[in-house]
């Protein structure tokens, strides 16, 4: 299984909203991101869904 395949699997979460946000980033920005941003994305994927949604919503609100 390739790294990208593993990440796709990890992007499949318990809610459709999280699936859409994570998959969109993976498909449109991940490959062209810096190594630092890739590491941060992988770190985000380790969060539980309830923690992840809070982090992402805070990020979206601050953008």
PDB file of N, CA and C in Angstrom:
ATOM      1  N   UNK A   1       0.854  -1.172   0.000  1.00  0.00           N
ATOM      2  CA  UNK A   1       0.000   0.000   0.000  1.00  0.00           C
ATOM      3  C   UNK A   1       0.904   1.240   0.000  1.00  0.00           C
ATOM      4  N   UNK A   2       0.648   2.171  -0.879  1.00  0.00           N
ATOM      5  CA  UNK A   2       1.461   3.379  -0.961  1.00  0.00           C
ATOM      6  C   UNK A   2       1.105   4.354   0.159  1.00  0.00           C
ATOM      7  N   UNK A   3       1.989   5.324   0.377  1.00  0.00           N
ATOM      8  CA  UNK A   3       1.729   6.325   1.411  1.00  0.00           C
ATOM      9  C   UNK A   3       0.424   7.069   1.125  1.00  0.00           C
ATOM     10  N   UNK A   4       0.211   7.423  -0.141  1.00  0.00           N
ATOM     11  CA  UNK A   4      -1.004   8.146  -0.501  1.00  0.00           C
ATOM     12  C   UNK A   4      -2.250   7.306  -0.251  1.00  0.00           C
ATOM     13  N   UNK A   5      -2.177   6.024  -0.536  1.00  0.00           N
ATOM     14  CA  UNK A   5      -3.309   5.121  -0.269  1.00  0.00           C
ATOM     15  C   UNK A   5      -3.612   5.048   1.218  1.00  0.00           C
ATOM     16  N   UNK A   6      -2.553   4.987   2.038  1.00  0.00           N
ATOM     17  CA  UNK A   6      -2.742   4.958   3.485  1.00  0.00           C
ATOM     18  C   UNK A   6      -3.397   6.246   3.969  1.00  0.00           C
ATOM     19  N   UNK A   7      -2.959   7.361   3.418  1.00  0.00           N
ATOM     20  CA  UNK A   7      -3.542   8.646   3.817  1.00  0.00           C
ATOM     21  C   UNK A   7      -5.007   8.742   3.394  1.00  0.00           C
ATOM     22  N   UNK A   8      -5.322   8.255   2.207  1.00  0.00           N
ATOM     23  CA  UNK A   8      -6.732   8.250   1.762  1.00  0.00           C
ATOM     24  C   UNK A   8      -7.583   7.471   2.761  1.00  0.00           C
ATOM     25  N   UNK A   9      -7.078   6.330   3.190  1.00  0.00           N
ATOM     26  CA  UNK A   9      -7.809   5.503   4.147  1.00  0.00           C
ATOM     27  C   UNK A   9      -7.991   6.251   5.463  1.00  0.00           C
ATOM     28  N   UNK A  10      -6.942   6.945   5.928  1.00  0.00           N
ATOM     29  CA  UNK A  10      -7.013   7.688   7.181  1.00  0.00           C
ATOM     30  C   UNK A  10      -7.934   8.901   7.080  1.00  0.00           C
ATOM     31  N   UNK A  11      -8.147   9.403   5.876  1.00  0.00           N
ATOM     32  CA  UNK A  11      -9.049  10.546   5.671  1.00  0.00           C
ATOM     33  C   UNK A  11     -10.516  10.140   5.765  1.00  0.00           C
ATOM     34  N   UNK A  12     -10.790   8.871   5.697  1.00  0.00           N
ATOM     35  CA  UNK A  12     -12.169   8.387   5.824  1.00  0.00           C
ATOM     36  C   UNK A  12     -12.530   8.376   7.292  1.00  0.00           C
ATOM     37  N   UNK A  13     -13.390   9.297   7.678  1.00  0.00           N
ATOM     38  CA  UNK A  13     -13.716   9.486   9.083  1.00  0.00           C
ATOM     39  C   UNK A  13     -15.181   9.145   9.346  1.00  0.00           C
ATOM     40  N   UNK A  14     -15.643   9.513  10.521  1.00  0.00           N
ATOM     41  CA  UNK A  14     -17.001   9.195  10.927  1.00  0.00           C
ATOM     42  C   UNK A  14     -18.057  10.158  10.418  1.00  0.00           C
ATOM     43  N   UNK A  15     -17.617  11.282   9.874  1.00  0.00           N
ATOM     44  CA  UNK A  15     -18.602  12.252   9.373  1.00  0.00           C
ATOM     45  C   UNK A  15     -18.278  12.643   7.941  1.00  0.00           C
ATOM     46  N   UNK A  16     -19.302  12.904   7.193  1.00  0.00           N
ATOM     47  CA  UNK A  16     -19.118  13.281   5.790  1.00  0.00           C
ATOM     48  C   UNK A  16     -18.345  14.592   5.672  1.00  0.00           C
ATOM     49  N   UNK A  17     -18.595  15.517   6.605  1.00  0.00           N
ATOM     50  CA  UNK A  17     -17.915  16.814   6.567  1.00  0.00           C
ATOM     51  C   UNK A  17     -16.400  16.643   6.690  1.00  0.00           C
ATOM     52  N   UNK A  18     -15.977  15.821   7.633  1.00  0.00           N
ATOM     53  CA  UNK A  18     -14.539  15.574   7.790  1.00  0.00           C
ATOM     54  C   UNK A  18     -13.975  14.867   6.570  1.00  0.00           C
ATOM     55  N   UNK A  19     -14.694  13.892   6.058  1.00  0.00           N
ATOM     56  CA  UNK A  19     -14.244  13.191   4.852  1.00  0.00           C
ATOM     57  C   UNK A  19     -14.005  14.188   3.722  1.00  0.00           C
ATOM     58  N   UNK A  20     -14.943  15.083   3.513  1.00  0.00           N
ATOM     59  CA  UNK A  20     -14.833  16.041   2.412  1.00  0.00           C
ATOM     60  C   UNK A  20     -13.668  17.006   2.597  1.00  0.00           C
ATOM     61  N   UNK A  21     -13.513  17.532   3.784  1.00  0.00           N
ATOM     62  CA  UNK A  21     -12.427  18.484   4.054  1.00  0.00           C
ATOM     63  C   UNK A  21     -11.074  17.809   3.893  1.00  0.00           C
ATOM     64  N   UNK A  22     -10.909  16.660   4.506  1.00  0.00           N
ATOM     65  CA  UNK A  22      -9.617  15.976   4.475  1.00  0.00           C
ATOM     66  C   UNK A  22      -9.268  15.467   3.078  1.00  0.00           C
ATOM     67  N   UNK A  23     -10.235  14.877   2.409  1.00  0.00           N
ATOM     68  CA  UNK A  23      -9.971  14.368   1.058  1.00  0.00           C
ATOM     69  C   UNK A  23      -9.689  15.495   0.081  1.00  0.00           C
ATOM     70  N   UNK A  24     -10.374  16.617   0.239  1.00  0.00           N
ATOM     71  CA  UNK A  24     -10.125  17.755  -0.644  1.00  0.00           C
ATOM     72  C   UNK A  24      -8.674  18.218  -0.505  1.00  0.00           C
ATOM     73  N   UNK A  25      -8.209  18.363   0.729  1.00  0.00           N
ATOM     74  CA  UNK A  25      -6.823  18.770   0.942  1.00  0.00           C
ATOM     75  C   UNK A  25      -5.859  17.737   0.356  1.00  0.00           C
ATOM     76  N   UNK A  26      -6.116  16.478   0.638  1.00  0.00           N
ATOM     77  CA  UNK A  26      -5.234  15.419   0.154  1.00  0.00           C
ATOM     78  C   UNK A  26      -5.144  15.435  -1.369  1.00  0.00           C
ATOM     79  N   UNK A  27      -6.268  15.566  -2.028  1.00  0.00           N
ATOM     80  CA  UNK A  27      -6.306  15.489  -3.489  1.00  0.00           C
ATOM     81  C   UNK A  27      -5.820  16.754  -4.192  1.00  0.00           C
ATOM     82  N   UNK A  28      -5.951  17.910  -3.536  1.00  0.00           N
ATOM     83  CA  UNK A  28      -5.624  19.156  -4.236  1.00  0.00           C
ATOM     84  C   UNK A  28      -4.348  19.841  -3.765  1.00  0.00           C
ATOM     85  N   UNK A  29      -3.919  19.594  -2.524  1.00  0.00           N
ATOM     86  CA  UNK A  29      -2.791  20.356  -2.008  1.00  0.00           C
ATOM     87  C   UNK A  29      -1.670  19.532  -1.389  1.00  0.00           C
ATOM     88  N   UNK A  30      -1.971  18.355  -0.915  1.00  0.00           N
ATOM     89  CA  UNK A  30      -0.983  17.576  -0.162  1.00  0.00           C
ATOM     90  C   UNK A  30       0.306  17.352  -0.944  1.00  0.00           C
ATOM     91  N   UNK A  31       0.219  16.865  -2.158  1.00  0.00           N
ATOM     92  CA  UNK A  31       1.417  16.503  -2.910  1.00  0.00           C
ATOM     93  C   UNK A  31       2.338  17.685  -3.177  1.00  0.00           C
ATOM     94  N   UNK A  32       1.788  18.878  -3.296  1.00  0.00           N
ATOM     95  CA  UNK A  32       2.617  20.057  -3.565  1.00  0.00           C
ATOM     96  C   UNK A  32       3.002  20.812  -2.286  1.00  0.00           C
ATOM     97  N   UNK A  33       2.606  20.299  -1.145  1.00  0.00           N
ATOM     98  CA  UNK A  33       2.907  20.944   0.130  1.00  0.00           C
ATOM     99  C   UNK A  33       4.350  20.678   0.554  1.00  0.00           C
ATOM    100  N   UNK A  34       4.850  21.544   1.434  1.00  0.00           N
ATOM    101  CA  UNK A  34       6.189  21.345   2.001  1.00  0.00           C
ATOM    102  C   UNK A  34       6.169  20.117   2.908  1.00  0.00           C
ATOM    103  N   UNK A  35       7.343  19.619   3.209  1.00  0.00           N
ATOM    104  CA  UNK A  35       7.443  18.467   4.104  1.00  0.00           C
ATOM    105  C   UNK A  35       6.866  18.799   5.482  1.00  0.00           C
ATOM    106  N   UNK A  36       7.050  20.031   5.921  1.00  0.00           N
ATOM    107  CA  UNK A  36       6.503  20.466   7.211  1.00  0.00           C
ATOM    108  C   UNK A  36       4.969  20.386   7.198  1.00  0.00           C
ATOM    109  N   UNK A  37       4.347  20.894   6.136  1.00  0.00           N
ATOM    110  CA  UNK A  37       2.881  20.855   6.046  1.00  0.00           C
ATOM    111  C   UNK A  37       2.375  19.423   5.923  1.00  0.00           C
ATOM    112  N   UNK A  38       3.099  18.590   5.204  1.00  0.00           N
ATOM    113  CA  UNK A  38       2.706  17.179   5.104  1.00  0.00           C
ATOM    114  C   UNK A  38       2.731  16.523   6.480  1.00  0.00           C
ATOM    115  N   UNK A  39       3.774  16.814   7.243  1.00  0.00           N
ATOM    116  CA  UNK A  39       3.886  16.238   8.592  1.00  0.00           C
ATOM    117  C   UNK A  39       2.748  16.725   9.483  1.00  0.00           C
ATOM    118  N   UNK A  40       2.379  17.998   9.364  1.00  0.00           N
ATOM    119  CA  UNK A  40       1.276  18.548  10.162  1.00  0.00           C
ATOM    120  C   UNK A  40      -0.050  17.892   9.772  1.00  0.00           C
ATOM    121  N   UNK A  41      -0.250  17.642   8.485  1.00  0.00           N
ATOM    122  CA  UNK A  41      -1.467  16.970   8.030  1.00  0.00           C
ATOM    123  C   UNK A  41      -1.541  15.563   8.615  1.00  0.00           C
ATOM    124  N   UNK A  42      -0.440  14.847   8.575  1.00  0.00           N
ATOM    125  CA  UNK A  42      -0.405  13.494   9.134  1.00  0.00           C
ATOM    126  C   UNK A  42      -0.672  13.542  10.641  1.00  0.00           C
ATOM    127  N   UNK A  43      -0.151  14.558  11.297  1.00  0.00           N
ATOM    128  CA  UNK A  43      -0.408  14.748  12.728  1.00  0.00           C
ATOM    129  C   UNK A  43      -1.899  14.987  12.976  1.00  0.00           C
ATOM    130  N   UNK A  44      -2.527  15.787  12.126  1.00  0.00           N
ATOM    131  CA  UNK A  44      -3.972  16.032  12.258  1.00  0.00           C
ATOM    132  C   UNK A  44      -4.762  14.730  12.146  1.00  0.00           C
ATOM    133  N   UNK A  45      -4.331  13.871  11.235  1.00  0.00           N
ATOM    134  CA  UNK A  45      -5.050  12.612  11.025  1.00  0.00           C
ATOM    135  C   UNK A  45      -5.004  11.700  12.243  1.00  0.00           C
ATOM    136  N   UNK A  46      -4.074  11.951  13.150  1.00  0.00           N
ATOM    137  CA  UNK A  46      -3.990  11.117  14.346  1.00  0.00           C
ATOM    138  C   UNK A  46      -4.996  11.540  15.424  1.00  0.00           C
ATOM    139  N   UNK A  47      -5.631  12.708  15.243  1.00  0.00           N
ATOM    140  CA  UNK A  47      -6.608  13.192  16.220  1.00  0.00           C
ATOM    141  C   UNK A  47      -7.907  12.407  16.123  1.00  0.00           C
ATOM    142  N   UNK A  48      -8.616  12.336  17.241  1.00  0.00           N
ATOM    143  CA  UNK A  48      -9.970  11.773  17.245  1.00  0.00           C
ATOM    144  C   UNK A  48     -10.892  12.747  16.501  1.00  0.00           C
ATOM    145  N   UNK A  49     -11.981  12.226  15.973  1.00  0.00           N
ATOM    146  CA  UNK A  49     -12.886  13.049  15.168  1.00  0.00           C
ATOM    147  C   UNK A  49     -13.387  14.284  15.901  1.00  0.00           C
ATOM    148  N   UNK A  50     -13.761  14.143  17.178  1.00  0.00           N
ATOM    149  CA  UNK A  50     -14.297  15.298  17.904  1.00  0.00           C
ATOM    150  C   UNK A  50     -13.236  16.376  18.095  1.00  0.00           C
ATOM    151  N   UNK A  51     -11.974  15.999  18.270  1.00  0.00           N
ATOM    152  CA  UNK A  51     -10.887  16.973  18.376  1.00  0.00           C
ATOM    153  C   UNK A  51     -10.583  17.596  17.017  1.00  0.00           C
ATOM    154  N   UNK A  52     -10.591  16.768  16.001  1.00  0.00           N
ATOM    155  CA  UNK A  52     -10.267  17.209  14.653  1.00  0.00           C
ATOM    156  C   UNK A  52     -11.258  18.238  14.136  1.00  0.00           C
ATOM    157  N   UNK A  53     -12.536  18.011  14.357  1.00  0.00           N
ATOM    158  CA  UNK A  53     -13.539  18.958  13.866  1.00  0.00           C
ATOM    159  C   UNK A  53     -13.371  20.317  14.532  1.00  0.00           C
ATOM    160  N   UNK A  54     -13.020  20.348  15.798  1.00  0.00           N
ATOM    161  CA  UNK A  54     -12.794  21.617  16.500  1.00  0.00           C
ATOM    162  C   UNK A  54     -11.598  22.346  15.896  1.00  0.00           C
ATOM    163  N   UNK A  55     -10.510  21.629  15.679  1.00  0.00           N
ATOM    164  CA  UNK A  55      -9.300  22.230  15.098  1.00  0.00           C
ATOM    165  C   UNK A  55      -9.599  22.796  13.711  1.00  0.00           C
ATOM    166  N   UNK A  56     -10.262  22.021  12.890  1.00  0.00           N
ATOM    167  CA  UNK A  56     -10.553  22.470  11.527  1.00  0.00           C
ATOM    168  C   UNK A  56     -11.524  23.636  11.490  1.00  0.00           C
ATOM    169  N   UNK A  57     -12.540  23.608  12.327  1.00  0.00           N
ATOM    170  CA  UNK A  57     -13.500  24.724  12.356  1.00  0.00           C
ATOM    171  C   UNK A  57     -12.838  26.011  12.869  1.00  0.00           C
ATOM    172  N   UNK A  58     -11.963  25.883  13.852  1.00  0.00           N
ATOM    173  CA  UNK A  58     -11.221  27.063  14.331  1.00  0.00           C
ATOM    174  C   UNK A  58     -10.341  27.624  13.209  1.00  0.00           C
ATOM    175  N   UNK A  59      -9.704  26.741  12.469  1.00  0.00           N
ATOM    176  CA  UNK A  59      -8.855  27.168  11.359  1.00  0.00           C
ATOM    177  C   UNK A  59      -9.674  27.881  10.288  1.00  0.00           C
ATOM    178  N   UNK A  60     -10.814  27.305   9.944  1.00  0.00           N
ATOM    179  CA  UNK A  60     -11.662  27.896   8.915  1.00  0.00           C
ATOM    180  C   UNK A  60     -12.168  29.266   9.358  1.00  0.00           C
ATOM    181  N   UNK A  61     -12.575  29.384  10.612  1.00  0.00           N
ATOM    182  CA  UNK A  61     -13.070  30.655  11.126  1.00  0.00           C
ATOM    183  C   UNK A  61     -11.981  31.727  11.127  1.00  0.00           C
ATOM    184  N   UNK A  62     -10.748  31.335  11.393  1.00  0.00           N
ATOM    185  CA  UNK A  62      -9.658  32.319  11.470  1.00  0.00           C
ATOM    186  C   UNK A  62      -9.092  32.700  10.107  1.00  0.00           C
ATOM    187  N   UNK A  63      -9.452  31.963   9.074  1.00  0.00           N
ATOM    188  CA  UNK A  63      -8.926  32.242   7.726  1.00  0.00           C
ATOM    189  C   UNK A  63      -9.607  33.409   7.066  1.00  0.00           C
TER     190      UNK A  63
END
